[in-house]
Amino acid sequence: MRSVLTRYEAGIDLLASRERYLWLLAVLGYGIGDLGTTLVGLSTGRGAEAGPVAAELVAGFGLLGLFVLKLATFGTFYLSWRLVSPPIRVAVPLAVAIVGLLVTGWNVLVLL
């Protein structure tokens, strides 16, 4: 029977081998999905930006502020990913993808 550590390492290696797909999910969920559903909510009046920093940027600069914040956030994620050693750095796109898909799902529910 394999030890817990061996199973953990195997799981990390499996995720690391699919890192490119995790980044794709991160871009689709957090980048496109969250941004798109937020834009629909703001433009139709059926939603509002819940994040305090993003809400201030939208109030001050409109949708451009939200777009710039999203780009800066992705830049920070990428820099973090570059600074962490493999294979543990797979946690960065994994976390962004999970959060992005959850937030996009929540936004869709708000818009319904």
C-alpha atoms as a PDB file:
ATOM      1  CA  MET A   1       0.000   0.000   0.000  1.00  0.00           C
ATOM      2  CA  ARG A   2       1.338   3.416  -0.982  1.00  0.00           C
ATOM      3  CA  SER A   3       2.024   5.967   1.688  1.00  0.00           C
ATOM      4  CA  VAL A   4       0.063   9.202   1.966  1.00  0.00           C
ATOM      5  CA  LEU A   5       3.141  11.172   0.902  1.00  0.00           C
ATOM      6  CA  THR A   6       3.579   9.039  -2.213  1.00  0.00           C
ATOM      7  CA  ARG A   7      -0.091   9.572  -3.184  1.00  0.00           C
ATOM      8  CA  TYR A   8       0.266  13.303  -2.518  1.00  0.00           C
ATOM      9  CA  GLU A   9       3.348  13.520  -4.724  1.00  0.00           C
ATOM     10  CA  ALA A  10       1.610  11.528  -7.453  1.00  0.00           C
ATOM     11  CA  GLY A  11      -1.341  13.939  -7.336  1.00  0.00           C
ATOM     12  CA  ILE A  12       0.931  16.969  -7.555  1.00  0.00           C
ATOM     13  CA  ASP A  13       2.798  15.424 -10.471  1.00  0.00           C
ATOM     14  CA  LEU A  14      -0.480  14.690 -12.250  1.00  0.00           C
ATOM     15  CA  LEU A  15      -1.662  18.282 -11.826  1.00  0.00           C
ATOM     16  CA  ALA A  16       1.749  19.631 -12.862  1.00  0.00           C
ATOM     17  CA  SER A  17       1.593  17.605 -16.064  1.00  0.00           C
ATOM     18  CA  ARG A  18      -1.678  19.404 -16.882  1.00  0.00           C
ATOM     19  CA  GLU A  19      -0.544  22.879 -15.859  1.00  0.00           C
ATOM     20  CA  ARG A  20      -1.214  24.379 -19.296  1.00  0.00           C
ATOM     21  CA  TYR A  21      -4.858  23.263 -19.096  1.00  0.00           C
ATOM     22  CA  LEU A  22      -5.160  24.727 -15.607  1.00  0.00           C
ATOM     23  CA  TRP A  23      -3.945  28.081 -16.931  1.00  0.00           C
ATOM     24  CA  LEU A  24      -6.499  27.828 -19.732  1.00  0.00           C
ATOM     25  CA  LEU A  25      -9.245  27.188 -17.172  1.00  0.00           C
ATOM     26  CA  ALA A  26      -7.948  30.117 -15.106  1.00  0.00           C
ATOM     27  CA  VAL A  27      -8.130  32.457 -18.101  1.00  0.00           C
ATOM     28  CA  LEU A  28     -11.546  31.169 -19.131  1.00  0.00           C
ATOM     29  CA  GLY A  29     -13.017  31.221 -15.621  1.00  0.00           C
ATOM     30  CA  TYR A  30     -11.383  34.132 -13.846  1.00  0.00           C
ATOM     31  CA  GLY A  31     -10.422  36.195 -16.865  1.00  0.00           C
ATOM     32  CA  ILE A  32     -13.208  35.824 -19.391  1.00  0.00           C
ATOM     33  CA  GLY A  33     -16.045  34.314 -17.347  1.00  0.00           C
ATOM     34  CA  ASP A  34     -15.834  36.567 -14.309  1.00  0.00           C
ATOM     35  CA  LEU A  35     -15.095  39.692 -16.315  1.00  0.00           C
ATOM     36  CA  GLY A  36     -17.813  38.939 -18.868  1.00  0.00           C
ATOM     37  CA  THR A  37     -20.538  38.174 -16.359  1.00  0.00           C
ATOM     38  CA  THR A  38     -19.555  41.207 -14.276  1.00  0.00           C
ATOM     39  CA  LEU A  39     -19.761  43.430 -17.348  1.00  0.00           C
ATOM     40  CA  VAL A  40     -23.210  42.049 -18.179  1.00  0.00           C
ATOM     41  CA  GLY A  41     -24.371  42.590 -14.603  1.00  0.00           C
ATOM     42  CA  LEU A  42     -23.066  46.147 -14.473  1.00  0.00           C
ATOM     43  CA  SER A  43     -24.356  47.132 -17.900  1.00  0.00           C
ATOM     44  CA  THR A  44     -27.851  45.732 -17.295  1.00  0.00           C
ATOM     45  CA  GLY A  45     -28.129  46.891 -13.693  1.00  0.00           C
ATOM     46  CA  ARG A  46     -28.730  43.317 -12.545  1.00  0.00           C
ATOM     47  CA  GLY A  47     -25.470  43.083 -10.650  1.00  0.00           C
ATOM     48  CA  ALA A  48     -22.860  45.107  -8.825  1.00  0.00           C
ATOM     49  CA  GLU A  49     -19.160  44.680  -8.214  1.00  0.00           C
ATOM     50  CA  ALA A  50     -18.764  43.147  -4.765  1.00  0.00           C
ATOM     51  CA  GLY A  51     -14.993  43.534  -4.440  1.00  0.00           C
ATOM     52  CA  PRO A  52     -14.121  46.792  -2.668  1.00  0.00           C
ATOM     53  CA  VAL A  53     -11.068  47.593  -4.813  1.00  0.00           C
ATOM     54  CA  ALA A  54     -12.839  46.721  -8.036  1.00  0.00           C
ATOM     55  CA  ALA A  55     -15.944  48.661  -6.996  1.00  0.00           C
ATOM     56  CA  GLU A  56     -13.831  51.789  -6.407  1.00  0.00           C
ATOM     57  CA  LEU A  57     -12.102  51.381  -9.751  1.00  0.00           C
ATOM     58  CA  VAL A  58     -15.417  50.939 -11.554  1.00  0.00           C
ATOM     59  CA  ALA A  59     -16.819  54.001  -9.778  1.00  0.00           C
ATOM     60  CA  GLY A  60     -13.776  56.087 -10.693  1.00  0.00           C
ATOM     61  CA  PHE A  61     -12.792  54.776 -14.115  1.00  0.00           C
ATOM     62  CA  GLY A  62     -15.723  52.756 -15.394  1.00  0.00           C
ATOM     63  CA  LEU A  63     -15.300  49.372 -16.984  1.00  0.00           C
ATOM     64  CA  LEU A  64     -11.761  50.228 -18.069  1.00  0.00           C
ATOM     65  CA  GLY A  65     -10.765  50.238 -14.395  1.00  0.00           C
ATOM     66  CA  LEU A  66     -12.119  46.722 -13.994  1.00  0.00           C
ATOM     67  CA  PHE A  67     -10.257  45.528 -17.077  1.00  0.00           C
ATOM     68  CA  VAL A  68      -6.954  47.043 -15.908  1.00  0.00           C
ATOM     69  CA  LEU A  69      -7.414  45.485 -12.464  1.00  0.00           C
ATOM     70  CA  LYS A  70      -8.004  42.079 -14.057  1.00  0.00           C
ATOM     71  CA  LEU A  71      -4.825  42.413 -16.133  1.00  0.00           C
ATOM     72  CA  ALA A  72      -2.810  43.497 -13.083  1.00  0.00           C
ATOM     73  CA  THR A  73      -4.205  40.593 -11.076  1.00  0.00           C
ATOM     74  CA  PHE A  74      -3.249  38.092 -13.769  1.00  0.00           C
ATOM     75  CA  GLY A  75       0.202  39.640 -13.907  1.00  0.00           C
ATOM     76  CA  THR A  76       0.549  39.091 -10.170  1.00  0.00           C
ATOM     77  CA  PHE A  77      -0.624  35.489 -10.494  1.00  0.00           C
ATOM     78  CA  TYR A  78       1.894  34.872 -13.267  1.00  0.00           C
ATOM     79  CA  LEU A  79       4.735  36.449 -11.299  1.00  0.00           C
ATOM     80  CA  SER A  80       3.825  34.323  -8.278  1.00  0.00           C
ATOM     81  CA  TRP A  81       3.811  31.227 -10.460  1.00  0.00           C
ATOM     82  CA  ARG A  82       7.250  32.089 -11.840  1.00  0.00           C
ATOM     83  CA  LEU A  83       8.691  32.623  -8.360  1.00  0.00           C
ATOM     84  CA  VAL A  84       7.510  29.306  -6.895  1.00  0.00           C
ATOM     85  CA  SER A  85       9.420  26.131  -7.694  1.00  0.00           C
ATOM     86  CA  PRO A  86       7.844  23.312  -9.681  1.00  0.00           C
ATOM     87  CA  PRO A  87       5.885  21.171  -9.109  1.00  0.00           C
ATOM     88  CA  ILE A  88       4.254  23.056  -6.207  1.00  0.00           C
ATOM     89  CA  ARG A  89       3.671  26.133  -8.353  1.00  0.00           C
ATOM     90  CA  VAL A  90       0.803  24.293 -10.018  1.00  0.00           C
ATOM     91  CA  ALA A  91      -1.216  25.534  -7.032  1.00  0.00           C
ATOM     92  CA  VAL A  92      -1.337  29.022  -8.576  1.00  0.00           C
ATOM     93  CA  PRO A  93      -3.283  28.215 -11.772  1.00  0.00           C
ATOM     94  CA  LEU A  94      -5.296  25.596  -9.880  1.00  0.00           C
ATOM     95  CA  ALA A  95      -6.453  28.159  -7.306  1.00  0.00           C
ATOM     96  CA  VAL A  96      -7.165  30.813  -9.935  1.00  0.00           C
ATOM     97  CA  ALA A  97      -9.147  28.321 -12.024  1.00  0.00           C
ATOM     98  CA  ILE A  98     -11.221  27.143  -9.052  1.00  0.00           C
ATOM     99  CA  VAL A  99     -11.963  30.659  -7.847  1.00  0.00           C
ATOM    100  CA  GLY A 100     -12.695  31.843 -11.365  1.00  0.00           C
ATOM    101  CA  LEU A 101     -15.156  29.060 -12.082  1.00  0.00           C
ATOM    102  CA  LEU A 102     -16.888  29.527  -8.718  1.00  0.00           C
ATOM    103  CA  VAL A 103     -17.170  33.298  -9.124  1.00  0.00           C
ATOM    104  CA  THR A 104     -18.406  32.947 -12.693  1.00  0.00           C
ATOM    105  CA  GLY A 105     -21.026  30.448 -11.528  1.00  0.00           C
ATOM    106  CA  TRP A 106     -22.121  32.812  -8.765  1.00  0.00           C
ATOM    107  CA  ASN A 107     -22.364  35.706 -11.222  1.00  0.00           C
ATOM    108  CA  VAL A 108     -24.498  33.610 -13.574  1.00  0.00           C
ATOM    109  CA  LEU A 109     -26.854  32.787 -10.701  1.00  0.00           C
ATOM    110  CA  VAL A 110     -27.133  36.486  -9.838  1.00  0.00           C
ATOM    111  CA  LEU A 111     -27.936  37.313 -13.455  1.00  0.00           C
ATOM    112  CA  LEU A 112     -30.703  34.695 -13.767  1.00  0.00           C
END
